[in-house]
Amino acid sequence: MLRTQGIATRIVNGFQAGDYNETAGVYVVRQKNA
């Protein structure tokens, strides 16, 4: 829709933050976070 209006746009694929593991002090990112 934006490109048809001449607006530069790109699609980004990645992961959302995930779940924080307090014991390990890290975020656990799983496929469900894609």
ModelCIF file with pLDDT and N, C-alpha, C, O atoms, coordinates in Angstrom:
data_MODEL
#
_entry.id   MODEL 
#
_entity.id                         1 
_entity.type                       polymer 
_entity.pdbx_number_of_molecules   1 
#
_entity_poly.entity_id                      1 
_entity_poly.type                           'polypeptide(L)' 
_entity_poly.nstd_linkage                   no 
_entity_poly.nstd_monomer                   no 
_entity_poly.pdbx_seq_one_letter_code       MLRTQGIATRIVNGFQAGDYNETAGVYVVRQKNA 
_entity_poly.pdbx_seq_one_letter_code_can   MLRTQGIATRIVNGFQAGDYNETAGVYVVRQKNA 
_entity_poly.pdbx_strand_id                 A 
#
loop_
_entity_poly_seq.entity_id 
_entity_poly_seq.num 
_entity_poly_seq.mon_id 
_entity_poly_seq.hetero 
1 1  MET n 
1 2  LEU n 
1 3  ARG n 
1 4  THR n 
1 5  GLN n 
1 6  GLY n 
1 7  ILE n 
1 8  ALA n 
1 9  THR n 
1 10 ARG n 
1 11 ILE n 
1 12 VAL n 
1 13 ASN n 
1 14 GLY n 
1 15 PHE n 
1 16 GLN n 
1 17 ALA n 
1 18 GLY n 
1 19 ASP n 
1 20 TYR n 
1 21 ASN n 
1 22 GLU n 
1 23 THR n 
1 24 ALA n 
1 25 GLY n 
1 26 VAL n 
1 27 TYR n 
1 28 VAL n 
1 29 VAL n 
1 30 ARG n 
1 31 GLN n 
1 32 LYS n 
1 33 ASN n 
1 34 ALA n 
#
_struct_asym.id          A 
_struct_asym.entity_id   1 
#
loop_
_ma_qa_metric.id 
_ma_qa_metric.mode 
_ma_qa_metric.name 
_ma_qa_metric.software_group_id 
_ma_qa_metric.type 
1 global pLDDT . pLDDT 
2 local  pLDDT . pLDDT 
#
_ma_qa_metric_global.metric_id      1 
_ma_qa_metric_global.metric_value   92.76 
_ma_qa_metric_global.model_id       1 
_ma_qa_metric_global.ordinal_id     1 
#
loop_
_ma_qa_metric_local.label_asym_id 
_ma_qa_metric_local.label_comp_id 
_ma_qa_metric_local.label_seq_id 
_ma_qa_metric_local.metric_id 
_ma_qa_metric_local.metric_value 
_ma_qa_metric_local.model_id 
_ma_qa_metric_local.ordinal_id 
A MET 1  2 97.00 1 1  
A LEU 2  2 98.00 1 2  
A ARG 3  2 97.00 1 3  
A THR 4  2 97.00 1 4  
A GLN 5  2 96.00 1 5  
A GLY 6  2 97.00 1 6  
A ILE 7  2 97.00 1 7  
A ALA 8  2 97.00 1 8  
A THR 9  2 98.00 1 9  
A ARG 10 2 97.00 1 10 
A ILE 11 2 97.00 1 11 
A VAL 12 2 97.00 1 12 
A ASN 13 2 95.00 1 13 
A GLY 14 2 94.00 1 14 
A PHE 15 2 92.00 1 15 
A GLN 16 2 83.00 1 16 
A ALA 17 2 79.00 1 17 
A GLY 18 2 86.00 1 18 
A ASP 19 2 90.00 1 19 
A TYR 20 2 92.00 1 20 
A ASN 21 2 92.00 1 21 
A GLU 22 2 94.00 1 22 
A THR 23 2 95.00 1 23 
A ALA 24 2 95.00 1 24 
A GLY 25 2 93.00 1 25 
A VAL 26 2 92.00 1 26 
A TYR 27 2 91.00 1 27 
A VAL 28 2 92.00 1 28 
A VAL 29 2 92.00 1 29 
A ARG 30 2 89.00 1 30 
A GLN 31 2 90.00 1 31 
A LYS 32 2 87.00 1 32 
A ASN 33 2 85.00 1 33 
A ALA 34 2 91.00 1 34 
#
loop_
_atom_site.group_PDB 
_atom_site.id 
_atom_site.type_symbol 
_atom_site.label_atom_id 
_atom_site.label_alt_id 
_atom_site.label_comp_id 
_atom_site.label_asym_id 
_atom_site.label_entity_id 
_atom_site.label_seq_id 
_atom_site.pdbx_PDB_ins_code 
_atom_site.Cartn_x 
_atom_site.Cartn_y 
_atom_site.Cartn_z 
_atom_site.occupancy 
_atom_site.B_iso_or_equiv 
_atom_site.pdbx_formal_charge 
_atom_site.auth_seq_id 
_atom_site.auth_comp_id 
_atom_site.auth_asym_id 
_atom_site.auth_atom_id 
_atom_site.pdbx_PDB_model_num 
ATOM 1   N N  . MET A 1 1  ? 0.827  -1.211  0.000  1.00 97.00 ? 1  MET A N  1 
ATOM 2   C CA . MET A 1 1  ? 0.000  0.000   0.000  1.00 97.00 ? 1  MET A CA 1 
ATOM 3   C C  . MET A 1 1  ? 0.862  1.262   0.000  1.00 97.00 ? 1  MET A C  1 
ATOM 4   O O  . MET A 1 1  ? 0.585  2.203   -0.743 1.00 97.00 ? 1  MET A O  1 
ATOM 5   N N  . LEU A 1 2  ? 1.898  1.283   0.826  1.00 98.00 ? 2  LEU A N  1 
ATOM 6   C CA . LEU A 1 2  ? 2.765  2.461   0.892  1.00 98.00 ? 2  LEU A CA 1 
ATOM 7   C C  . LEU A 1 2  ? 3.597  2.622   -0.378 1.00 98.00 ? 2  LEU A C  1 
ATOM 8   O O  . LEU A 1 2  ? 3.789  3.736   -0.863 1.00 98.00 ? 2  LEU A O  1 
ATOM 9   N N  . ARG A 1 3  ? 4.081  1.520   -0.905 1.00 97.00 ? 3  ARG A N  1 
ATOM 10  C CA . ARG A 1 3  ? 4.884  1.599   -2.137 1.00 97.00 ? 3  ARG A CA 1 
ATOM 11  C C  . ARG A 1 3  ? 4.072  2.121   -3.308 1.00 97.00 ? 3  ARG A C  1 
ATOM 12  O O  . ARG A 1 3  ? 4.609  2.816   -4.171 1.00 97.00 ? 3  ARG A O  1 
ATOM 13  N N  . THR A 1 4  ? 2.777  1.797   -3.353 1.00 97.00 ? 4  THR A N  1 
ATOM 14  C CA . THR A 1 4  ? 1.945  2.341   -4.440 1.00 97.00 ? 4  THR A CA 1 
ATOM 15  C C  . THR A 1 4  ? 1.810  3.851   -4.336 1.00 97.00 ? 4  THR A C  1 
ATOM 16  O O  . THR A 1 4  ? 1.439  4.514   -5.305 1.00 97.00 ? 4  THR A O  1 
ATOM 17  N N  . GLN A 1 5  ? 2.111  4.395   -3.162 1.00 96.00 ? 5  GLN A N  1 
ATOM 18  C CA . GLN A 1 5  ? 2.063  5.846   -2.946 1.00 96.00 ? 5  GLN A CA 1 
ATOM 19  C C  . GLN A 1 5  ? 3.451  6.477   -3.079 1.00 96.00 ? 5  GLN A C  1 
ATOM 20  O O  . GLN A 1 5  ? 3.630  7.661   -2.792 1.00 96.00 ? 5  GLN A O  1 
ATOM 21  N N  . GLY A 1 6  ? 4.429  5.682   -3.514 1.00 97.00 ? 6  GLY A N  1 
ATOM 22  C CA . GLY A 1 6  ? 5.786  6.194   -3.696 1.00 97.00 ? 6  GLY A CA 1 
ATOM 23  C C  . GLY A 1 6  ? 6.578  6.329   -2.408 1.00 97.00 ? 6  GLY A C  1 
ATOM 24  O O  . GLY A 1 6  ? 7.575  7.050   -2.369 1.00 97.00 ? 6  GLY A O  1 
ATOM 25  N N  . ILE A 1 7  ? 6.151  5.651   -1.356 1.00 97.00 ? 7  ILE A N  1 
ATOM 26  C CA . ILE A 1 7  ? 6.823  5.746   -0.061 1.00 97.00 ? 7  ILE A CA 1 
ATOM 27  C C  . ILE A 1 7  ? 7.759  4.552   0.106  1.00 97.00 ? 7  ILE A C  1 
ATOM 28  O O  . ILE A 1 7  ? 7.327  3.404   0.001  1.00 97.00 ? 7  ILE A O  1 
ATOM 29  N N  . ALA A 1 8  ? 9.030  4.817   0.366  1.00 97.00 ? 8  ALA A N  1 
ATOM 30  C CA . ALA A 1 8  ? 10.026 3.758   0.534  1.00 97.00 ? 8  ALA A CA 1 
ATOM 31  C C  . ALA A 1 8  ? 9.706  2.941   1.775  1.00 97.00 ? 8  ALA A C  1 
ATOM 32  O O  . ALA A 1 8  ? 9.595  3.473   2.880  1.00 97.00 ? 8  ALA A O  1 
ATOM 33  N N  . THR A 1 9  ? 9.561  1.655   1.573  1.00 98.00 ? 9  THR A N  1 
ATOM 34  C CA . THR A 1 9  ? 9.137  0.756   2.639  1.00 98.00 ? 9  THR A CA 1 
ATOM 35  C C  . THR A 1 9  ? 9.872  -0.565  2.508  1.00 98.00 ? 9  THR A C  1 
ATOM 36  O O  . THR A 1 9  ? 10.136 -1.037  1.403  1.00 98.00 ? 9  THR A O  1 
ATOM 37  N N  . ARG A 1 10 ? 10.200 -1.157  3.654  1.00 97.00 ? 10 ARG A N  1 
ATOM 38  C CA . ARG A 1 10 ? 10.779 -2.495  3.626  1.00 97.00 ? 10 ARG A CA 1 
ATOM 39  C C  . ARG A 1 10 ? 10.120 -3.368  4.688  1.00 97.00 ? 10 ARG A C  1 
ATOM 40  O O  . ARG A 1 10 ? 9.663  -2.885  5.725  1.00 97.00 ? 10 ARG A O  1 
ATOM 41  N N  . ILE A 1 11 ? 10.085 -4.658  4.401  1.00 97.00 ? 11 ILE A N  1 
ATOM 42  C CA . ILE A 1 11 ? 9.534  -5.633  5.337  1.00 97.00 ? 11 ILE A CA 1 
ATOM 43  C C  . ILE A 1 11 ? 10.695 -6.187  6.156  1.00 97.00 ? 11 ILE A C  1 
ATOM 44  O O  . ILE A 1 11 ? 11.751 -6.511  5.612  1.00 97.00 ? 11 ILE A O  1 
ATOM 45  N N  . VAL A 1 12 ? 10.492 -6.294  7.457  1.00 97.00 ? 12 VAL A N  1 
ATOM 46  C CA . VAL A 1 12 ? 11.516 -6.807  8.361  1.00 97.00 ? 12 VAL A CA 1 
ATOM 47  C C  . VAL A 1 12 ? 10.990 -8.091  9.000  1.00 97.00 ? 12 VAL A C  1 
ATOM 48  O O  . VAL A 1 12 ? 9.873  -8.127  9.516  1.00 97.00 ? 12 VAL A O  1 
ATOM 49  N N  . ASN A 1 13 ? 11.797 -9.129  8.961  1.00 95.00 ? 13 ASN A N  1 
ATOM 50  C CA . ASN A 1 13 ? 11.477 -10.382 9.641  1.00 95.00 ? 13 ASN A CA 1 
ATOM 51  C C  . ASN A 1 13 ? 12.485 -10.574 10.759 1.00 95.00 ? 13 ASN A C  1 
ATOM 52  O O  . ASN A 1 13 ? 13.692 -10.442 10.553 1.00 95.00 ? 13 ASN A O  1 
ATOM 53  N N  . GLY A 1 14 ? 11.987 -10.883 11.929 1.00 94.00 ? 14 GLY A N  1 
ATOM 54  C CA . GLY A 1 14 ? 12.877 -11.070 13.063 1.00 94.00 ? 14 GLY A CA 1 
ATOM 55  C C  . GLY A 1 14 ? 12.133 -11.696 14.221 1.00 94.00 ? 14 GLY A C  1 
ATOM 56  O O  . GLY A 1 14 ? 11.215 -12.494 14.031 1.00 94.00 ? 14 GLY A O  1 
ATOM 57  N N  . PHE A 1 15 ? 12.540 -11.325 15.427 1.00 92.00 ? 15 PHE A N  1 
ATOM 58  C CA . PHE A 1 15 ? 11.944 -11.896 16.627 1.00 92.00 ? 15 PHE A CA 1 
ATOM 59  C C  . PHE A 1 15 ? 11.619 -10.793 17.623 1.00 92.00 ? 15 PHE A C  1 
ATOM 60  O O  . PHE A 1 15 ? 12.337 -9.800  17.735 1.00 92.00 ? 15 PHE A O  1 
ATOM 61  N N  . GLN A 1 16 ? 10.518 -10.991 18.343 1.00 83.00 ? 16 GLN A N  1 
ATOM 62  C CA . GLN A 1 16 ? 10.200 -10.103 19.453 1.00 83.00 ? 16 GLN A CA 1 
ATOM 63  C C  . GLN A 1 16 ? 11.058 -10.532 20.646 1.00 83.00 ? 16 GLN A C  1 
ATOM 64  O O  . GLN A 1 16 ? 11.757 -11.543 20.574 1.00 83.00 ? 16 GLN A O  1 
ATOM 65  N N  . ALA A 1 17 ? 11.009 -9.792  21.708 1.00 79.00 ? 17 ALA A N  1 
ATOM 66  C CA . ALA A 1 17 ? 11.936 -9.946  22.834 1.00 79.00 ? 17 ALA A CA 1 
ATOM 67  C C  . ALA A 1 17 ? 12.040 -11.356 23.405 1.00 79.00 ? 17 ALA A C  1 
ATOM 68  O O  . ALA A 1 17 ? 13.142 -11.781 23.754 1.00 79.00 ? 17 ALA A O  1 
ATOM 69  N N  . GLY A 1 18 ? 10.968 -12.079 23.512 1.00 86.00 ? 18 GLY A N  1 
ATOM 70  C CA . GLY A 1 18 ? 11.024 -13.399 24.144 1.00 86.00 ? 18 GLY A CA 1 
ATOM 71  C C  . GLY A 1 18 ? 10.722 -13.305 25.631 1.00 86.00 ? 18 GLY A C  1 
ATOM 72  O O  . GLY A 1 18 ? 10.164 -12.316 26.107 1.00 86.00 ? 18 GLY A O  1 
ATOM 73  N N  . ASP A 1 19 ? 11.095 -14.338 26.346 1.00 90.00 ? 19 ASP A N  1 
ATOM 74  C CA . ASP A 1 19 ? 10.823 -14.425 27.781 1.00 90.00 ? 19 ASP A CA 1 
ATOM 75  C C  . ASP A 1 19 ? 12.130 -14.282 28.559 1.00 90.00 ? 19 ASP A C  1 
ATOM 76  O O  . ASP A 1 19 ? 13.134 -14.911 28.226 1.00 90.00 ? 19 ASP A O  1 
ATOM 77  N N  . TYR A 1 20 ? 12.103 -13.452 29.593 1.00 92.00 ? 20 TYR A N  1 
ATOM 78  C CA . TYR A 1 20 ? 13.305 -13.227 30.392 1.00 92.00 ? 20 TYR A CA 1 
ATOM 79  C C  . TYR A 1 20 ? 13.470 -14.353 31.407 1.00 92.00 ? 20 TYR A C  1 
ATOM 80  O O  . TYR A 1 20 ? 12.534 -14.678 32.138 1.00 92.00 ? 20 TYR A O  1 
ATOM 81  N N  . ASN A 1 21 ? 14.644 -14.938 31.449 1.00 92.00 ? 21 ASN A N  1 
ATOM 82  C CA . ASN A 1 21 ? 14.987 -15.971 32.414 1.00 92.00 ? 21 ASN A CA 1 
ATOM 83  C C  . ASN A 1 21 ? 15.845 -15.319 33.489 1.00 92.00 ? 21 ASN A C  1 
ATOM 84  O O  . ASN A 1 21 ? 17.022 -15.032 33.265 1.00 92.00 ? 21 ASN A O  1 
ATOM 85  N N  . GLU A 1 22 ? 15.252 -15.087 34.655 1.00 94.00 ? 22 GLU A N  1 
ATOM 86  C CA . GLU A 1 22 ? 15.962 -14.393 35.732 1.00 94.00 ? 22 GLU A CA 1 
ATOM 87  C C  . GLU A 1 22 ? 17.161 -15.179 36.257 1.00 94.00 ? 22 GLU A C  1 
ATOM 88  O O  . GLU A 1 22 ? 18.177 -14.590 36.628 1.00 94.00 ? 22 GLU A O  1 
ATOM 89  N N  . THR A 1 23 ? 17.046 -16.486 36.289 1.00 95.00 ? 23 THR A N  1 
ATOM 90  C CA . THR A 1 23 ? 18.136 -17.316 36.798 1.00 95.00 ? 23 THR A CA 1 
ATOM 91  C C  . THR A 1 23 ? 19.386 -17.172 35.945 1.00 95.00 ? 23 THR A C  1 
ATOM 92  O O  . THR A 1 23 ? 20.490 -17.009 36.463 1.00 95.00 ? 23 THR A O  1 
ATOM 93  N N  . ALA A 1 24 ? 19.202 -17.235 34.638 1.00 95.00 ? 24 ALA A N  1 
ATOM 94  C CA . ALA A 1 24 ? 20.339 -17.144 33.712 1.00 95.00 ? 24 ALA A CA 1 
ATOM 95  C C  . ALA A 1 24 ? 20.672 -15.705 33.337 1.00 95.00 ? 24 ALA A C  1 
ATOM 96  O O  . ALA A 1 24 ? 21.765 -15.422 32.845 1.00 95.00 ? 24 ALA A O  1 
ATOM 97  N N  . GLY A 1 25 ? 19.719 -14.791 33.572 1.00 93.00 ? 25 GLY A N  1 
ATOM 98  C CA . GLY A 1 25 ? 19.927 -13.393 33.214 1.00 93.00 ? 25 GLY A CA 1 
ATOM 99  C C  . GLY A 1 25 ? 19.927 -13.150 31.709 1.00 93.00 ? 25 GLY A C  1 
ATOM 100 O O  . GLY A 1 25 ? 20.636 -12.273 31.216 1.00 93.00 ? 25 GLY A O  1 
ATOM 101 N N  . VAL A 1 26 ? 19.117 -13.941 30.970 1.00 92.00 ? 26 VAL A N  1 
ATOM 102 C CA . VAL A 1 26 ? 19.050 -13.823 29.514 1.00 92.00 ? 26 VAL A CA 1 
ATOM 103 C C  . VAL A 1 26 ? 17.596 -13.894 29.033 1.00 92.00 ? 26 VAL A C  1 
ATOM 104 O O  . VAL A 1 26 ? 16.707 -14.357 29.747 1.00 92.00 ? 26 VAL A O  1 
ATOM 105 N N  . TYR A 1 27 ? 17.388 -13.429 27.821 1.00 91.00 ? 27 TYR A N  1 
ATOM 106 C CA . TYR A 1 27 ? 16.094 -13.609 27.179 1.00 91.00 ? 27 TYR A CA 1 
ATOM 107 C C  . TYR A 1 27 ? 16.117 -14.912 26.390 1.00 91.00 ? 27 TYR A C  1 
ATOM 108 O O  . TYR A 1 27 ? 17.073 -15.183 25.664 1.00 91.00 ? 27 TYR A O  1 
ATOM 109 N N  . VAL A 1 28 ? 15.077 -15.710 26.527 1.00 92.00 ? 28 VAL A N  1 
ATOM 110 C CA . VAL A 1 28 ? 14.928 -16.940 25.762 1.00 92.00 ? 28 VAL A CA 1 
ATOM 111 C C  . VAL A 1 28 ? 13.980 -16.640 24.610 1.00 92.00 ? 28 VAL A C  1 
ATOM 112 O O  . VAL A 1 28 ? 12.809 -16.322 24.819 1.00 92.00 ? 28 VAL A O  1 
ATOM 113 N N  . VAL A 1 29 ? 14.502 -16.744 23.398 1.00 92.00 ? 29 VAL A N  1 
ATOM 114 C CA . VAL A 1 29 ? 13.726 -16.435 22.204 1.00 92.00 ? 29 VAL A CA 1 
ATOM 115 C C  . VAL A 1 29 ? 13.389 -17.740 21.496 1.00 92.00 ? 29 VAL A C  1 
ATOM 116 O O  . VAL A 1 29 ? 14.271 -18.541 21.185 1.00 92.00 ? 29 VAL A O  1 
ATOM 117 N N  . ARG A 1 30 ? 12.101 -17.939 21.250 1.00 89.00 ? 30 ARG A N  1 
ATOM 118 C CA . ARG A 1 30 ? 11.628 -19.172 20.629 1.00 89.00 ? 30 ARG A CA 1 
ATOM 119 C C  . ARG A 1 30 ? 10.959 -18.865 19.292 1.00 89.00 ? 30 ARG A C  1 
ATOM 120 O O  . ARG A 1 30 ? 10.741 -17.704 18.944 1.00 89.00 ? 30 ARG A O  1 
ATOM 121 N N  . GLN A 1 31 ? 10.642 -19.913 18.556 1.00 90.00 ? 31 GLN A N  1 
ATOM 122 C CA . GLN A 1 31 ? 9.978  -19.754 17.268 1.00 90.00 ? 31 GLN A CA 1 
ATOM 123 C C  . GLN A 1 31 ? 8.681  -18.950 17.410 1.00 90.00 ? 31 GLN A C  1 
ATOM 124 O O  . GLN A 1 31 ? 8.327  -18.186 16.511 1.00 90.00 ? 31 GLN A O  1 
ATOM 125 N N  . LYS A 1 32 ? 7.975  -19.115 18.524 1.00 87.00 ? 32 LYS A N  1 
ATOM 126 C CA . LYS A 1 32 ? 6.716  -18.389 18.730 1.00 87.00 ? 32 LYS A CA 1 
ATOM 127 C C  . LYS A 1 32 ? 6.931  -16.871 18.788 1.00 87.00 ? 32 LYS A C  1 
ATOM 128 O O  . LYS A 1 32 ? 5.971  -16.108 18.679 1.00 87.00 ? 32 LYS A O  1 
ATOM 129 N N  . ASN A 1 33 ? 8.172  -16.434 18.959 1.00 85.00 ? 33 ASN A N  1 
ATOM 130 C CA . ASN A 1 33 ? 8.489  -15.008 19.019 1.00 85.00 ? 33 ASN A CA 1 
ATOM 131 C C  . ASN A 1 33 ? 8.831  -14.423 17.653 1.00 85.00 ? 33 ASN A C  1 
ATOM 132 O O  . ASN A 1 33 ? 9.137  -13.235 17.552 1.00 85.00 ? 33 ASN A O  1 
ATOM 133 N N  . ALA A 1 34 ? 8.783  -15.243 16.595 1.00 91.00 ? 34 ALA A N  1 
ATOM 134 C CA . ALA A 1 34 ? 9.037  -14.750 15.235 1.00 91.00 ? 34 ALA A CA 1 
ATOM 135 C C  . ALA A 1 34 ? 7.972  -13.726 14.866 1.00 91.00 ? 34 ALA A C  1 
ATOM 136 O O  . ALA A 1 34 ? 7.995  -13.182 13.762 1.00 91.00 ? 34 ALA A O  1 
#
